[in-house]
Amino acid sequence: MRATSAATTRAGADEGNDAVSETAPTRPDTSDMAAVHNVFRSALAAAPDLVAGAAGSAERRGLIANFYTNIFSFLEVHHDGEEELIFPLLAERAPTRGPVVEEARAQHADVIELLDSARSSVAAWEVDGDGAAPDVVRSLQALGDALTRHLDDEEAYLVPLAGEHLTAEEWGVLPGNAMGHFSGDKVWLVIGLVRENFTQAQRDMMLEKMPPPALAMWQTMGEASFDDLIGRVRSTN
């Protein structure tokens, strides 16, 4: 009887361990968020040089305006994804950290106001030309300053919270959601900018996780288009 009981106990323990291993959530690697944030930081920090470099050239002004239009679209879907997919889960699972989530929401609202202003300024600059350059630089810098403060806070407080309370699957829906709702005309530009800030391992994982149509797009024309466009955007000639 003792032997039978011991065997039964061991079997029950093994079953319990299996149940734990099957139900224990896999926590996400949230380090990819800093890479996405750096796309925004870099693009907005470059605004004075990019705008100045377009002086006297309607063609280059259009190029830079389109670049920022796509950055704005990416920022918009990035924030929308966080508010729809991440913030509610964090508020539910970490109620004592509610003020962190609410502060992030408030910062999003402030950033959206500045984003709308920057979008209008860029559109006016593209049409009106060099006379509108000071206004567009001011609006992009104001957006960059507010956004940088928000991104710094998010990386310090909210991203670690997500790492503790979200599953890898829940965190992993963000990229697909952003690409699915992206309203810009160059999704490959966003993919390329993010990949620039990824480690090689993250780049490899990105390709593994891409839906087949998106992967085919990137490999057949997206990467080459990105290299060509970003080279022209960053050219000093």
C-alpha atoms as a PDB file:
ATOM      1  CA  MET A   1       0.000   0.000   0.000  1.00  0.00           C
ATOM      2  CA  ARG A   2       2.789   2.382   0.894  1.00  0.00           C
ATOM      3  CA  ALA A   3       4.460   1.722  -2.469  1.00  0.00           C
ATOM      4  CA  THR A   4       1.192   2.243  -4.293  1.00  0.00           C
ATOM      5  CA  SER A   5       0.526   5.468  -2.410  1.00  0.00           C
ATOM      6  CA  ALA A   6       4.003   6.762  -3.160  1.00  0.00           C
ATOM      7  CA  ALA A   7       3.609   5.992  -6.839  1.00  0.00           C
ATOM      8  CA  THR A   8       0.221   7.657  -6.883  1.00  0.00           C
ATOM      9  CA  THR A   9       1.633  10.690  -5.114  1.00  0.00           C
ATOM     10  CA  ARG A  10       4.495  10.952  -7.601  1.00  0.00           C
ATOM     11  CA  ALA A  11       2.062  10.628 -10.514  1.00  0.00           C
ATOM     12  CA  GLY A  12      -0.149  13.328  -9.047  1.00  0.00           C
ATOM     13  CA  ALA A  13       2.850  15.590  -8.541  1.00  0.00           C
ATOM     14  CA  ASP A  14       3.974  15.020 -12.118  1.00  0.00           C
ATOM     15  CA  GLU A  15       0.492  15.806 -13.386  1.00  0.00           C
ATOM     16  CA  GLY A  16       0.473  18.966 -11.311  1.00  0.00           C
ATOM     17  CA  ASN A  17       3.844  20.032 -12.683  1.00  0.00           C
ATOM     18  CA  ASP A  18       2.611  19.405 -16.207  1.00  0.00           C
ATOM     19  CA  ALA A  19      -0.445  21.537 -15.526  1.00  0.00           C
ATOM     20  CA  VAL A  20       1.705  24.358 -14.188  1.00  0.00           C
ATOM     21  CA  SER A  21       4.062  24.199 -17.144  1.00  0.00           C
ATOM     22  CA  GLU A  22       1.115  24.221 -19.562  1.00  0.00           C
ATOM     23  CA  THR A  23      -0.643  27.165 -17.958  1.00  0.00           C
ATOM     24  CA  ALA A  24       2.270  29.300 -16.771  1.00  0.00           C
ATOM     25  CA  PRO A  25       2.360  32.348 -19.074  1.00  0.00           C
ATOM     26  CA  THR A  26       5.410  33.115 -21.132  1.00  0.00           C
ATOM     27  CA  ARG A  27       6.449  36.672 -20.335  1.00  0.00           C
ATOM     28  CA  PRO A  28       7.386  38.922 -23.255  1.00  0.00           C
ATOM     29  CA  ASP A  29      10.738  40.305 -24.272  1.00  0.00           C
ATOM     30  CA  THR A  30       9.817  43.982 -24.219  1.00  0.00           C
ATOM     31  CA  SER A  31      13.201  45.230 -25.423  1.00  0.00           C
ATOM     32  CA  ASP A  32      11.734  45.756 -28.889  1.00  0.00           C
ATOM     33  CA  MET A  33       9.799  48.779 -27.594  1.00  0.00           C
ATOM     34  CA  ALA A  34      12.939  50.896 -27.219  1.00  0.00           C
ATOM     35  CA  ALA A  35      13.814  50.196 -30.856  1.00  0.00           C
ATOM     36  CA  VAL A  36      10.404  51.412 -31.994  1.00  0.00           C
ATOM     37  CA  HIS A  37      10.671  54.484 -29.776  1.00  0.00           C
ATOM     38  CA  ASN A  38      14.073  55.304 -31.226  1.00  0.00           C
ATOM     39  CA  VAL A  39      12.494  55.600 -34.673  1.00  0.00           C
ATOM     40  CA  PHE A  40      10.452  58.537 -33.383  1.00  0.00           C
ATOM     41  CA  ARG A  41      13.290  60.058 -31.387  1.00  0.00           C
ATOM     42  CA  SER A  42      15.688  59.997 -34.341  1.00  0.00           C
ATOM     43  CA  ALA A  43      13.216  61.253 -36.923  1.00  0.00           C
ATOM     44  CA  LEU A  44      12.110  64.222 -34.855  1.00  0.00           C
ATOM     45  CA  ALA A  45      15.613  65.103 -33.687  1.00  0.00           C
ATOM     46  CA  ALA A  46      16.655  65.311 -37.346  1.00  0.00           C
ATOM     47  CA  ALA A  47      13.925  67.816 -38.221  1.00  0.00           C
ATOM     48  CA  PRO A  48      16.002  71.041 -38.206  1.00  0.00           C
ATOM     49  CA  ASP A  49      18.628  69.577 -40.531  1.00  0.00           C
ATOM     50  CA  LEU A  50      16.126  67.862 -42.824  1.00  0.00           C
ATOM     51  CA  VAL A  51      13.975  70.969 -43.190  1.00  0.00           C
ATOM     52  CA  ALA A  52      16.989  73.230 -43.728  1.00  0.00           C
ATOM     53  CA  GLY A  53      18.354  70.812 -46.310  1.00  0.00           C
ATOM     54  CA  ALA A  54      15.164  71.171 -48.362  1.00  0.00           C
ATOM     55  CA  ALA A  55      15.481  74.949 -48.760  1.00  0.00           C
ATOM     56  CA  GLY A  56      14.938  76.047 -52.335  1.00  0.00           C
ATOM     57  CA  SER A  57      13.869  72.614 -53.583  1.00  0.00           C
ATOM     58  CA  ALA A  58      10.193  71.750 -53.959  1.00  0.00           C
ATOM     59  CA  GLU A  59      11.132  68.183 -54.848  1.00  0.00           C
ATOM     60  CA  ARG A  60      13.166  67.645 -51.712  1.00  0.00           C
ATOM     61  CA  ARG A  61      10.565  69.439 -49.594  1.00  0.00           C
ATOM     62  CA  GLY A  62       7.994  66.947 -50.850  1.00  0.00           C
ATOM     63  CA  LEU A  63      10.331  64.069 -50.039  1.00  0.00           C
ATOM     64  CA  ILE A  64      10.865  65.221 -46.440  1.00  0.00           C
ATOM     65  CA  ALA A  65       7.197  66.086 -45.957  1.00  0.00           C
ATOM     66  CA  ASN A  66       6.208  62.589 -47.061  1.00  0.00           C
ATOM     67  CA  PHE A  67       8.803  61.086 -44.736  1.00  0.00           C
ATOM     68  CA  TYR A  68       7.265  62.884 -41.756  1.00  0.00           C
ATOM     69  CA  THR A  69       3.723  62.083 -42.861  1.00  0.00           C
ATOM     70  CA  ASN A  70       4.600  58.395 -42.605  1.00  0.00           C
ATOM     71  CA  ILE A  71       6.287  58.919 -39.232  1.00  0.00           C
ATOM     72  CA  PHE A  72       3.123  60.618 -37.972  1.00  0.00           C
ATOM     73  CA  SER A  73       0.974  57.731 -39.182  1.00  0.00           C
ATOM     74  CA  PHE A  74       3.227  55.234 -37.449  1.00  0.00           C
ATOM     75  CA  LEU A  75       3.163  57.193 -34.194  1.00  0.00           C
ATOM     76  CA  GLU A  76      -0.619  57.371 -34.337  1.00  0.00           C
ATOM     77  CA  VAL A  77      -1.146  53.626 -34.766  1.00  0.00           C
ATOM     78  CA  HIS A  78       1.564  52.887 -32.212  1.00  0.00           C
ATOM     79  CA  HIS A  79      -0.243  54.896 -29.554  1.00  0.00           C
ATOM     80  CA  ASP A  80      -3.658  53.573 -30.582  1.00  0.00           C
ATOM     81  CA  GLY A  81      -2.376  50.015 -30.241  1.00  0.00           C
ATOM     82  CA  GLU A  82      -1.052  50.650 -26.760  1.00  0.00           C
ATOM     83  CA  GLU A  83      -4.321  52.217 -25.634  1.00  0.00           C
ATOM     84  CA  GLU A  84      -6.504  49.474 -27.100  1.00  0.00           C
ATOM     85  CA  LEU A  85      -4.381  46.391 -26.436  1.00  0.00           C
ATOM     86  CA  ILE A  86      -1.939  47.105 -23.603  1.00  0.00           C
ATOM     87  CA  PHE A  87      -3.258  49.744 -21.226  1.00  0.00           C
ATOM     88  CA  PRO A  88      -6.561  47.966 -20.388  1.00  0.00           C
ATOM     89  CA  LEU A  89      -4.750  44.735 -19.518  1.00  0.00           C
ATOM     90  CA  LEU A  90      -2.258  46.543 -17.301  1.00  0.00           C
ATOM     91  CA  ALA A  91      -5.011  48.473 -15.520  1.00  0.00           C
ATOM     92  CA  GLU A  92      -6.830  45.201 -14.846  1.00  0.00           C
ATOM     93  CA  ARG A  93      -3.869  43.082 -13.763  1.00  0.00           C
ATOM     94  CA  ALA A  94      -1.870  45.711 -11.859  1.00  0.00           C
ATOM     95  CA  PRO A  95      -4.583  47.904 -10.289  1.00  0.00           C
ATOM     96  CA  THR A  96      -2.197  49.384  -7.752  1.00  0.00           C
ATOM     97  CA  ARG A  97      -0.156  50.782 -10.641  1.00  0.00           C
ATOM     98  CA  GLY A  98      -3.170  52.484 -12.163  1.00  0.00           C
ATOM     99  CA  PRO A  99      -1.604  55.957 -11.909  1.00  0.00           C
ATOM    100  CA  VAL A 100       1.231  54.833 -14.204  1.00  0.00           C
ATOM    101  CA  VAL A 101      -1.255  53.788 -16.866  1.00  0.00           C
ATOM    102  CA  GLU A 102      -3.345  56.929 -16.479  1.00  0.00           C
ATOM    103  CA  GLU A 103      -0.266  59.133 -16.754  1.00  0.00           C
ATOM    104  CA  ALA A 104       0.648  57.389 -19.994  1.00  0.00           C
ATOM    105  CA  ARG A 105      -2.874  58.001 -21.311  1.00  0.00           C
ATOM    106  CA  ALA A 106      -2.652  61.687 -20.395  1.00  0.00           C
ATOM    107  CA  GLN A 107       0.717  62.007 -22.099  1.00  0.00           C
ATOM    108  CA  HIS A 108      -0.734  60.368 -25.217  1.00  0.00           C
ATOM    109  CA  ALA A 109      -3.466  63.015 -25.315  1.00  0.00           C
ATOM    110  CA  ASP A 110      -0.879  65.801 -25.070  1.00  0.00           C
ATOM    111  CA  VAL A 111       1.239  64.228 -27.787  1.00  0.00           C
ATOM    112  CA  ILE A 112      -1.747  63.818 -30.120  1.00  0.00           C
ATOM    113  CA  GLU A 113      -2.463  67.559 -29.933  1.00  0.00           C
ATOM    114  CA  LEU A 114       1.124  68.316 -30.898  1.00  0.00           C
ATOM    115  CA  LEU A 115       1.006  65.624 -33.579  1.00  0.00           C
ATOM    116  CA  ASP A 116      -2.025  67.258 -35.181  1.00  0.00           C
ATOM    117  CA  SER A 117      -0.243  70.609 -35.143  1.00  0.00           C
ATOM    118  CA  ALA A 118       2.915  69.118 -36.659  1.00  0.00           C
ATOM    119  CA  ARG A 119       0.906  67.373 -39.375  1.00  0.00           C
ATOM    120  CA  SER A 120      -0.762  70.671 -40.319  1.00  0.00           C
ATOM    121  CA  SER A 121       2.568  72.516 -40.292  1.00  0.00           C
ATOM    122  CA  VAL A 122       4.238  69.962 -42.547  1.00  0.00           C
ATOM    123  CA  ALA A 123       1.340  70.121 -45.008  1.00  0.00           C
ATOM    124  CA  ALA A 124       1.520  73.933 -45.075  1.00  0.00           C
ATOM    125  CA  TRP A 125       5.298  73.867 -45.528  1.00  0.00           C
ATOM    126  CA  GLU A 126       5.036  71.507 -48.485  1.00  0.00           C
ATOM    127  CA  VAL A 127       2.622  73.890 -50.211  1.00  0.00           C
ATOM    128  CA  ASP A 128       3.934  77.302 -49.093  1.00  0.00           C
ATOM    129  CA  GLY A 129       7.649  76.594 -49.280  1.00  0.00           C
ATOM    130  CA  ASP A 130      10.592  78.060 -47.428  1.00  0.00           C
ATOM    131  CA  GLY A 131       8.624  80.813 -45.719  1.00  0.00           C
ATOM    132  CA  ALA A 132       6.852  78.174 -43.616  1.00  0.00           C
ATOM    133  CA  ALA A 133      10.079  76.407 -42.624  1.00  0.00           C
ATOM    134  CA  PRO A 134      10.467  78.050 -39.198  1.00  0.00           C
ATOM    135  CA  ASP A 135       6.934  77.045 -38.226  1.00  0.00           C
ATOM    136  CA  VAL A 136       7.417  73.433 -39.255  1.00  0.00           C
ATOM    137  CA  VAL A 137      10.694  73.173 -37.349  1.00  0.00           C
ATOM    138  CA  ARG A 138       9.082  74.606 -34.221  1.00  0.00           C
ATOM    139  CA  SER A 139       6.141  72.220 -34.430  1.00  0.00           C
ATOM    140  CA  LEU A 140       8.351  69.171 -34.995  1.00  0.00           C
ATOM    141  CA  GLN A 141      10.638  70.150 -32.133  1.00  0.00           C
ATOM    142  CA  ALA A 142       7.683  70.693 -29.800  1.00  0.00           C
ATOM    143  CA  LEU A 143       6.358  67.262 -30.723  1.00  0.00           C
ATOM    144  CA  GLY A 144       9.811  65.748 -30.265  1.00  0.00           C
ATOM    145  CA  ASP A 145      10.293  67.313 -26.828  1.00  0.00           C
ATOM    146  CA  ALA A 146       6.930  66.137 -25.479  1.00  0.00           C
ATOM    147  CA  LEU A 147       7.219  62.730 -27.086  1.00  0.00           C
ATOM    148  CA  THR A 148      10.723  62.149 -25.740  1.00  0.00           C
ATOM    149  CA  ARG A 149       9.536  62.837 -22.193  1.00  0.00           C
ATOM    150  CA  HIS A 150       6.680  60.406 -22.700  1.00  0.00           C
ATOM    151  CA  LEU A 151       8.839  57.688 -24.242  1.00  0.00           C
ATOM    152  CA  ASP A 152      11.395  57.997 -21.450  1.00  0.00           C
ATOM    153  CA  ASP A 153       8.660  57.619 -18.830  1.00  0.00           C
ATOM    154  CA  GLU A 154       7.066  54.737 -20.684  1.00  0.00           C
ATOM    155  CA  GLU A 155      10.341  52.832 -20.884  1.00  0.00           C
ATOM    156  CA  ALA A 156      11.079  53.479 -17.218  1.00  0.00           C
ATOM    157  CA  TYR A 157       7.687  52.572 -15.780  1.00  0.00           C
ATOM    158  CA  LEU A 158       5.143  51.121 -18.178  1.00  0.00           C
ATOM    159  CA  VAL A 159       7.265  48.775 -20.290  1.00  0.00           C
ATOM    160  CA  PRO A 160       8.620  46.914 -17.217  1.00  0.00           C
ATOM    161  CA  LEU A 161       5.033  46.640 -15.979  1.00  0.00           C
ATOM    162  CA  ALA A 162       4.054  45.037 -19.279  1.00  0.00           C
ATOM    163  CA  GLY A 163       6.935  42.607 -18.909  1.00  0.00           C
ATOM    164  CA  GLU A 164       5.570  41.507 -15.539  1.00  0.00           C
ATOM    165  CA  HIS A 165       1.869  41.264 -16.326  1.00  0.00           C
ATOM    166  CA  LEU A 166       1.421  40.499 -20.030  1.00  0.00           C
ATOM    167  CA  THR A 167       2.023  37.310 -21.936  1.00  0.00           C
ATOM    168  CA  ALA A 168       4.323  37.090 -24.923  1.00  0.00           C
ATOM    169  CA  GLU A 169       1.271  36.523 -27.115  1.00  0.00           C
ATOM    170  CA  GLU A 170      -0.473  39.646 -25.843  1.00  0.00           C
ATOM    171  CA  TRP A 171       2.613  41.779 -26.334  1.00  0.00           C
ATOM    172  CA  GLY A 172       3.239  40.243 -29.732  1.00  0.00           C
ATOM    173  CA  VAL A 173       0.021  41.547 -31.278  1.00  0.00           C
ATOM    174  CA  LEU A 174       1.284  45.144 -31.261  1.00  0.00           C
ATOM    175  CA  PRO A 175       3.364  45.041 -34.478  1.00  0.00           C
ATOM    176  CA  GLY A 176       0.662  43.364 -36.547  1.00  0.00           C
ATOM    177  CA  ASN A 177      -1.961  45.737 -35.214  1.00  0.00           C
ATOM    178  CA  ALA A 178       0.180  48.752 -36.121  1.00  0.00           C
ATOM    179  CA  MET A 179       0.864  47.529 -39.640  1.00  0.00           C
ATOM    180  CA  GLY A 180      -2.782  46.562 -40.146  1.00  0.00           C
ATOM    181  CA  HIS A 181      -4.010  50.051 -39.246  1.00  0.00           C
ATOM    182  CA  PHE A 182      -1.146  52.062 -40.747  1.00  0.00           C
ATOM    183  CA  SER A 183      -2.537  54.837 -42.964  1.00  0.00           C
ATOM    184  CA  GLY A 184       0.706  56.026 -44.547  1.00  0.00           C
ATOM    185  CA  ASP A 185       1.733  55.179 -48.091  1.00  0.00           C
ATOM    186  CA  LYS A 186       5.080  53.516 -47.306  1.00  0.00           C
ATOM    187  CA  VAL A 187       4.729  50.725 -44.783  1.00  0.00           C
ATOM    188  CA  TRP A 188       8.129  49.439 -45.899  1.00  0.00           C
ATOM    189  CA  LEU A 189       9.657  52.703 -44.652  1.00  0.00           C
ATOM    190  CA  VAL A 190       8.417  51.960 -41.151  1.00  0.00           C
ATOM    191  CA  ILE A 191       9.615  48.361 -41.324  1.00  0.00           C
ATOM    192  CA  GLY A 192      13.065  49.513 -42.427  1.00  0.00           C
ATOM    193  CA  LEU A 193      13.354  52.176 -39.736  1.00  0.00           C
ATOM    194  CA  VAL A 194      12.415  49.711 -37.022  1.00  0.00           C
ATOM    195  CA  ARG A 195      14.843  47.130 -38.374  1.00  0.00           C
ATOM    196  CA  GLU A 196      17.664  49.689 -38.224  1.00  0.00           C
ATOM    197  CA  ASN A 197      17.170  49.872 -34.472  1.00  0.00           C
ATOM    198  CA  PHE A 198      16.837  46.134 -33.916  1.00  0.00           C
ATOM    199  CA  THR A 199      19.602  43.731 -33.054  1.00  0.00           C
ATOM    200  CA  GLN A 200      20.331  41.064 -35.653  1.00  0.00           C
ATOM    201  CA  ALA A 201      18.455  38.525 -33.562  1.00  0.00           C
ATOM    202  CA  GLN A 202      15.422  40.815 -33.478  1.00  0.00           C
ATOM    203  CA  ARG A 203      15.632  41.340 -37.242  1.00  0.00           C
ATOM    204  CA  ASP A 204      15.667  37.601 -37.784  1.00  0.00           C
ATOM    205  CA  MET A 205      12.702  37.129 -35.457  1.00  0.00           C
ATOM    206  CA  MET A 206      10.818  39.913 -37.229  1.00  0.00           C
ATOM    207  CA  LEU A 207      11.133  38.083 -40.547  1.00  0.00           C
ATOM    208  CA  GLU A 208      10.081  34.798 -38.950  1.00  0.00           C
ATOM    209  CA  LYS A 209       6.927  36.383 -37.533  1.00  0.00           C
ATOM    210  CA  MET A 210       5.925  38.341 -40.657  1.00  0.00           C
ATOM    211  CA  PRO A 211       2.821  37.121 -42.494  1.00  0.00           C
ATOM    212  CA  PRO A 212       3.829  35.632 -45.867  1.00  0.00           C
ATOM    213  CA  PRO A 213       2.444  38.550 -47.950  1.00  0.00           C
ATOM    214  CA  ALA A 214       4.321  41.101 -45.836  1.00  0.00           C
ATOM    215  CA  LEU A 215       7.506  39.047 -45.989  1.00  0.00           C
ATOM    216  CA  ALA A 216       7.239  38.749 -49.770  1.00  0.00           C
ATOM    217  CA  MET A 217       6.676  42.495 -50.065  1.00  0.00           C
ATOM    218  CA  TRP A 218       9.731  43.269 -47.946  1.00  0.00           C
ATOM    219  CA  GLN A 219      11.991  40.838 -49.742  1.00  0.00           C
ATOM    220  CA  THR A 220      10.905  41.644 -53.303  1.00  0.00           C
ATOM    221  CA  MET A 221      10.703  45.441 -53.166  1.00  0.00           C
ATOM    222  CA  GLY A 222      10.385  46.825 -49.646  1.00  0.00           C
ATOM    223  CA  GLU A 223      13.988  46.555 -48.519  1.00  0.00           C
ATOM    224  CA  ALA A 224      15.376  47.984 -51.759  1.00  0.00           C
ATOM    225  CA  SER A 225      12.811  50.797 -51.703  1.00  0.00           C
ATOM    226  CA  PHE A 226      13.717  51.599 -48.106  1.00  0.00           C
ATOM    227  CA  ASP A 227      17.430  51.706 -48.825  1.00  0.00           C
ATOM    228  CA  ASP A 228      16.874  54.033 -51.766  1.00  0.00           C
ATOM    229  CA  LEU A 229      14.472  56.365 -49.974  1.00  0.00           C
ATOM    230  CA  ILE A 230      16.314  56.644 -46.680  1.00  0.00           C
ATOM    231  CA  GLY A 231      19.524  57.303 -48.577  1.00  0.00           C
ATOM    232  CA  ARG A 232      17.871  60.243 -50.307  1.00  0.00           C
ATOM    233  CA  VAL A 233      16.279  61.517 -47.091  1.00  0.00           C
ATOM    234  CA  ARG A 234      19.611  61.507 -45.280  1.00  0.00           C
ATOM    235  CA  SER A 235      21.663  62.793 -48.187  1.00  0.00           C
ATOM    236  CA  THR A 236      23.387  66.112 -47.577  1.00  0.00           C
ATOM    237  CA  ASN A 237      23.799  66.838 -51.289  1.00  0.00           C
END
